[in-house]
Amino acid sequence: MMLDKVGTYEFLAEPFHCDFNQRLFMGHLGNHMLNAADFHSNDRGFGMKYLLSVNRAWVLSRLAIEMDEMPEMYTRFNVETWVESAMRYFTNRNFRVVDKEGKVYGYGRSIWAMIDTETRQPCNLLEVHDGSILGYIEKEKTNPMDRLSRVKMDDQAELVRTIDTYYNDVDINGHINSVKYIEHVLDLWDLDWYRTHRIHRFDIAYVAECHQGDRLSFYREQTGENEYCIRICKQITSEAGTQEEVEVVRSKVLFI
């Protein structure tokens, strides 16, 4: 039996998931969106529950969240999610955050790829259950936020922080959790900044995998009024035995 193309999932802005303004942290909202995506895909037969049994997994490639307002502490809200399109190696998934009365807080866009969990190589997602995902593409529901665009930076970005990674940074796929990158990026600004600014849009692109123990460096560049781009690099040892940096994530934050 075919389910609805749009999935709706209720969440609560729990007090310990909110910041000092009593608003939901962006990282926790991102986590709710990813959970909604997981619930939606599992219920329809192409989620992680099935994929892991055949050595497949979804990996998040890009995510953008644009919010007019963040849910307040103790607010119950829904995350709606639907598949906008699906190609051989990538699928586009949308989100809408709305309260019980229909008030829209904001939207999200994401791009996902499917990989072989043993080889870590891309897989043809249309081969899963004979391309059943194509039957769930929703073309009528709109998402008004701008589409995902590449984060452009030059070599003038300033190194602002270097951190180590640990157990709590790692997800079920064995690499650094997508949401942890969001939290680390937003920690580059202190409380005084957030007293007078709030996040309007957050974009992030995942370029390469990182694992527990990798050391991450954060480079920041101001690219507009209250707009900043961030490049995250990990340190590796080259074949020659020298230390080099490899870019793993790019992000852009627009404050208002």
Protein backbone atom coordinates (compact mmCIF):
# COMPACT_ATOMS: atom_id res chain seq x y z
CA MET A 1 0.00 0.00 0.00
CA MET A 2 1.33 3.42 -0.96
CA LEU A 3 1.66 5.92 1.88
CA ASP A 4 1.28 9.66 1.53
CA LYS A 5 4.17 11.28 -0.30
CA VAL A 6 4.56 13.89 2.44
CA GLY A 7 5.44 12.69 5.92
CA THR A 8 4.58 14.75 9.02
CA TYR A 9 6.38 14.16 12.33
CA GLU A 10 5.82 15.85 15.67
CA PHE A 11 8.68 17.10 17.82
CA LEU A 12 9.00 19.08 21.05
CA ALA A 13 11.37 21.96 21.70
CA GLU A 14 12.68 20.39 24.89
CA PRO A 15 14.21 22.83 27.40
CA PHE A 16 17.64 21.23 27.27
CA HIS A 17 17.61 21.48 23.48
CA CYS A 18 17.13 25.26 23.63
CA ASP A 19 19.64 28.10 23.94
CA PHE A 20 19.76 31.00 26.41
CA ASN A 21 16.99 32.75 24.41
CA GLN A 22 14.73 29.76 25.07
CA ARG A 23 14.69 28.97 21.37
CA LEU A 24 15.54 25.62 19.79
CA PHE A 25 19.21 25.22 18.88
CA MET A 26 19.85 25.08 15.12
CA GLY A 27 21.75 21.84 15.61
CA HIS A 28 18.78 20.17 17.28
CA LEU A 29 16.46 21.40 14.55
CA GLY A 30 18.83 19.88 12.01
CA ASN A 31 18.72 16.64 13.96
CA HIS A 32 14.91 16.67 13.93
CA MET A 33 14.95 17.16 10.16
CA LEU A 34 17.30 14.22 9.69
CA ASN A 35 15.13 12.08 11.96
CA ALA A 36 12.05 13.05 9.94
CA ALA A 37 13.88 12.03 6.76
CA ASP A 38 14.76 8.69 8.37
CA PHE A 39 11.19 8.05 9.57
CA HIS A 40 9.79 8.97 6.15
CA SER A 41 12.18 6.75 4.18
CA ASN A 42 11.93 3.80 6.59
CA ASP A 43 8.13 3.80 6.48
CA ARG A 44 8.29 3.70 2.67
CA GLY A 45 10.85 0.91 2.36
CA PHE A 46 13.99 2.78 1.34
CA GLY A 47 15.32 3.84 4.75
CA MET A 48 18.34 2.88 6.81
CA LYS A 49 16.55 -0.02 8.50
CA TYR A 50 16.41 -1.88 5.19
CA LEU A 51 19.54 -0.43 3.57
CA LEU A 52 21.90 -1.55 6.34
CA SER A 53 20.72 -5.13 5.79
CA VAL A 54 22.03 -4.94 2.20
CA ASN A 55 25.23 -3.01 2.99
CA ARG A 56 23.84 0.32 1.86
CA ALA A 57 23.37 3.63 3.65
CA TRP A 58 22.18 7.15 3.03
CA VAL A 59 24.75 9.89 3.52
CA LEU A 60 23.90 13.57 3.68
CA SER A 61 25.67 15.55 0.99
CA ARG A 62 24.25 19.04 1.50
CA LEU A 63 21.79 20.73 3.83
CA ALA A 64 20.32 24.23 4.02
CA ILE A 65 17.95 25.51 6.69
CA GLU A 66 16.22 28.90 6.47
CA MET A 67 14.19 30.03 9.47
CA ASP A 68 12.03 33.10 10.04
CA GLU A 69 11.73 32.08 13.67
CA MET A 70 12.90 29.19 15.86
CA PRO A 71 10.37 27.28 17.99
CA GLU A 72 10.23 28.41 21.61
CA MET A 73 10.91 26.14 24.56
CA TYR A 74 8.11 23.57 25.19
CA THR A 75 6.54 24.24 21.78
CA ARG A 76 5.25 21.23 19.90
CA PHE A 77 5.84 21.51 16.17
CA ASN A 78 5.83 19.37 13.05
CA VAL A 79 8.56 18.70 10.54
CA GLU A 80 7.08 17.85 7.16
CA THR A 81 9.34 16.16 4.63
CA TRP A 82 9.05 14.99 1.04
CA VAL A 83 11.24 13.83 -1.85
CA GLU A 84 11.44 16.50 -4.53
CA SER A 85 13.44 14.48 -7.08
CA ALA A 86 15.55 11.35 -7.41
CA MET A 87 18.35 10.58 -9.83
CA ARG A 88 20.78 7.71 -10.10
CA TYR A 89 23.17 8.84 -7.38
CA PHE A 90 21.39 11.70 -5.59
CA THR A 91 17.99 12.57 -4.21
CA ASN A 92 16.64 15.97 -3.19
CA ARG A 93 14.55 16.12 -0.03
CA ASN A 94 12.63 19.12 1.34
CA PHE A 95 11.43 20.08 4.81
CA ARG A 96 8.89 22.48 6.28
CA VAL A 97 8.71 23.38 10.00
CA VAL A 98 5.20 24.35 11.12
CA ASP A 99 3.23 24.52 14.37
CA LYS A 100 -0.18 23.00 15.14
CA GLU A 101 -2.00 26.14 14.02
CA GLY A 102 -0.25 26.23 10.67
CA LYS A 103 2.32 28.89 11.48
CA VAL A 104 5.41 28.28 9.33
CA TYR A 105 8.76 28.68 11.09
CA GLY A 106 10.90 27.90 8.07
CA TYR A 107 12.09 25.41 5.48
CA GLY A 108 14.97 23.13 4.63
CA ARG A 109 16.54 21.62 1.54
CA SER A 110 18.88 18.63 1.40
CA ILE A 111 20.74 16.39 -1.02
CA TRP A 112 21.47 12.76 -0.18
CA ALA A 113 23.62 10.06 -1.75
CA MET A 114 23.62 6.30 -1.22
CA ILE A 115 26.86 4.46 -0.54
CA ASP A 116 28.07 0.89 -0.17
CA THR A 117 28.96 0.57 3.53
CA GLU A 118 31.89 -1.74 2.77
CA THR A 119 33.53 0.07 -0.15
CA ARG A 120 32.24 3.57 0.78
CA GLN A 121 31.56 4.08 -2.92
CA PRO A 122 28.36 5.61 -4.39
CA CYS A 123 25.51 3.26 -5.31
CA ASN A 124 22.60 3.54 -7.72
CA LEU A 125 19.71 4.40 -5.40
CA LEU A 126 17.18 3.55 -8.13
CA GLU A 127 18.13 -0.13 -7.76
CA VAL A 128 16.60 -0.28 -4.26
CA HIS A 129 13.26 -2.08 -4.51
CA ASP A 130 13.21 -1.44 -8.26
CA GLY A 131 13.27 2.31 -7.83
CA SER A 132 10.30 2.49 -5.46
CA ILE A 133 11.48 5.95 -4.35
CA LEU A 134 10.26 7.30 -7.71
CA GLY A 135 6.69 6.60 -6.66
CA TYR A 136 7.08 8.99 -3.73
CA ILE A 137 8.31 12.06 -5.57
CA GLU A 138 6.13 15.02 -4.61
CA LYS A 139 5.92 17.70 -7.29
CA GLU A 140 2.95 19.72 -6.05
CA LYS A 141 4.22 20.85 -2.64
CA THR A 142 6.47 23.90 -2.94
CA ASN A 143 9.50 25.09 -1.03
CA PRO A 144 9.98 28.87 -1.37
CA MET A 145 13.55 29.06 -0.08
CA ASP A 146 16.39 29.57 -2.55
CA ARG A 147 17.95 26.42 -3.89
CA LEU A 148 21.28 25.11 -2.66
CA SER A 149 24.28 26.91 -4.09
CA ARG A 150 28.01 26.36 -3.79
CA VAL A 151 29.81 28.06 -0.92
CA LYS A 152 32.56 30.17 -2.50
CA MET A 153 35.68 31.09 -0.53
CA ASP A 154 39.17 32.31 -1.31
CA ASP A 155 42.49 31.62 0.38
CA GLN A 156 42.20 34.67 2.67
CA ALA A 157 40.00 32.91 5.23
CA GLU A 158 41.31 33.18 8.78
CA LEU A 159 42.07 30.14 10.92
CA VAL A 160 39.91 30.66 14.01
CA ARG A 161 39.87 27.29 15.77
CA THR A 162 41.29 23.77 15.72
CA ILE A 163 39.57 20.94 17.60
CA ASP A 164 39.93 17.22 18.22
CA THR A 165 37.10 14.74 17.60
CA TYR A 166 35.85 12.12 20.02
CA TYR A 167 33.28 9.36 20.63
CA ASN A 168 30.30 11.74 20.82
CA ASP A 169 31.13 13.19 17.41
CA VAL A 170 30.60 9.86 15.61
CA ASP A 171 27.33 8.62 14.06
CA ILE A 172 25.94 5.20 13.09
CA ASN A 173 27.94 5.20 9.86
CA GLY A 174 31.19 5.46 11.81
CA HIS A 175 32.08 8.97 10.64
CA ILE A 176 31.67 12.41 12.17
CA ASN A 177 27.98 13.22 12.69
CA SER A 178 26.50 15.70 10.21
CA VAL A 179 24.88 17.73 12.99
CA LYS A 180 28.09 17.90 15.02
CA TYR A 181 29.66 19.93 12.22
CA ILE A 182 26.76 22.40 12.49
CA GLU A 183 27.29 22.76 16.23
CA HIS A 184 31.05 23.21 15.87
CA VAL A 185 30.57 25.88 13.19
CA LEU A 186 28.04 27.85 15.23
CA ASP A 187 30.35 27.72 18.26
CA LEU A 188 32.74 30.02 16.35
CA TRP A 189 30.63 32.97 17.62
CA ASP A 190 30.24 33.70 21.32
CA LEU A 191 27.17 34.45 23.44
CA ASP A 192 27.51 38.21 23.05
CA TRP A 193 27.14 37.83 19.28
CA TYR A 194 23.98 35.75 19.66
CA ARG A 195 22.49 38.32 22.04
CA THR A 196 22.13 40.70 19.09
CA HIS A 197 22.03 38.33 16.09
CA ARG A 198 20.07 35.24 15.12
CA ILE A 199 20.65 32.68 12.39
CA HIS A 200 18.44 33.21 9.36
CA ARG A 201 20.00 30.68 6.98
CA PHE A 202 22.57 27.96 7.42
CA ASP A 203 24.12 26.06 4.47
CA ILE A 204 26.53 23.16 4.75
CA ALA A 205 28.16 20.89 2.16
CA TYR A 206 29.90 17.67 3.16
CA VAL A 207 32.96 17.14 0.96
CA ALA A 208 34.81 14.23 2.59
CA GLU A 209 34.39 11.89 5.54
CA CYS A 210 36.09 12.39 8.89
CA HIS A 211 36.50 9.89 11.70
CA GLN A 212 37.09 9.91 15.43
CA GLY A 213 40.56 11.20 16.16
CA ASP A 214 40.74 13.50 13.14
CA ARG A 215 41.85 17.02 14.02
CA LEU A 216 39.66 19.70 12.42
CA SER A 217 40.64 23.27 11.57
CA PHE A 218 38.01 25.98 10.99
CA TYR A 219 38.68 28.86 8.58
CA ARG A 220 36.25 31.78 8.52
CA GLU A 221 35.75 34.56 5.98
CA GLN A 222 33.21 37.37 6.02
CA THR A 223 31.57 37.51 2.59
CA GLY A 224 28.80 40.05 3.18
CA GLU A 225 26.90 41.97 5.81
CA ASN A 226 26.36 39.42 8.60
CA GLU A 227 27.31 36.65 6.12
CA TYR A 228 30.20 34.31 6.81
CA CYS A 229 31.69 31.31 5.01
CA ILE A 230 33.52 28.57 6.89
CA ARG A 231 35.88 25.93 5.57
CA ILE A 232 36.69 22.89 7.72
CA CYS A 233 39.86 20.93 6.99
CA LYS A 234 41.36 17.81 8.51
CA GLN A 235 45.02 17.10 8.92
CA ILE A 236 46.44 14.04 7.15
CA THR A 237 49.87 12.55 6.70
CA SER A 238 50.97 12.45 3.06
CA GLU A 239 52.84 9.57 1.46
CA ALA A 240 55.98 11.64 1.92
CA GLY A 241 55.31 11.78 5.65
CA THR A 242 54.44 15.47 5.76
CA GLN A 243 51.35 16.98 7.39
CA GLU A 244 48.77 18.32 4.95
CA GLU A 245 45.22 19.67 5.14
CA VAL A 246 42.25 18.31 3.20
CA GLU A 247 38.94 20.17 2.98
CA VAL A 248 36.04 18.17 4.42
CA VAL A 249 33.18 20.67 4.87
CA ARG A 250 32.09 24.07 3.59
CA SER A 251 29.43 26.13 5.29
CA LYS A 252 27.76 29.55 5.07
CA VAL A 253 25.85 31.35 7.81
CA LEU A 254 23.61 34.37 7.32
CA PHE A 255 22.67 36.27 10.49
CA ILE A 256 20.03 38.95 10.94
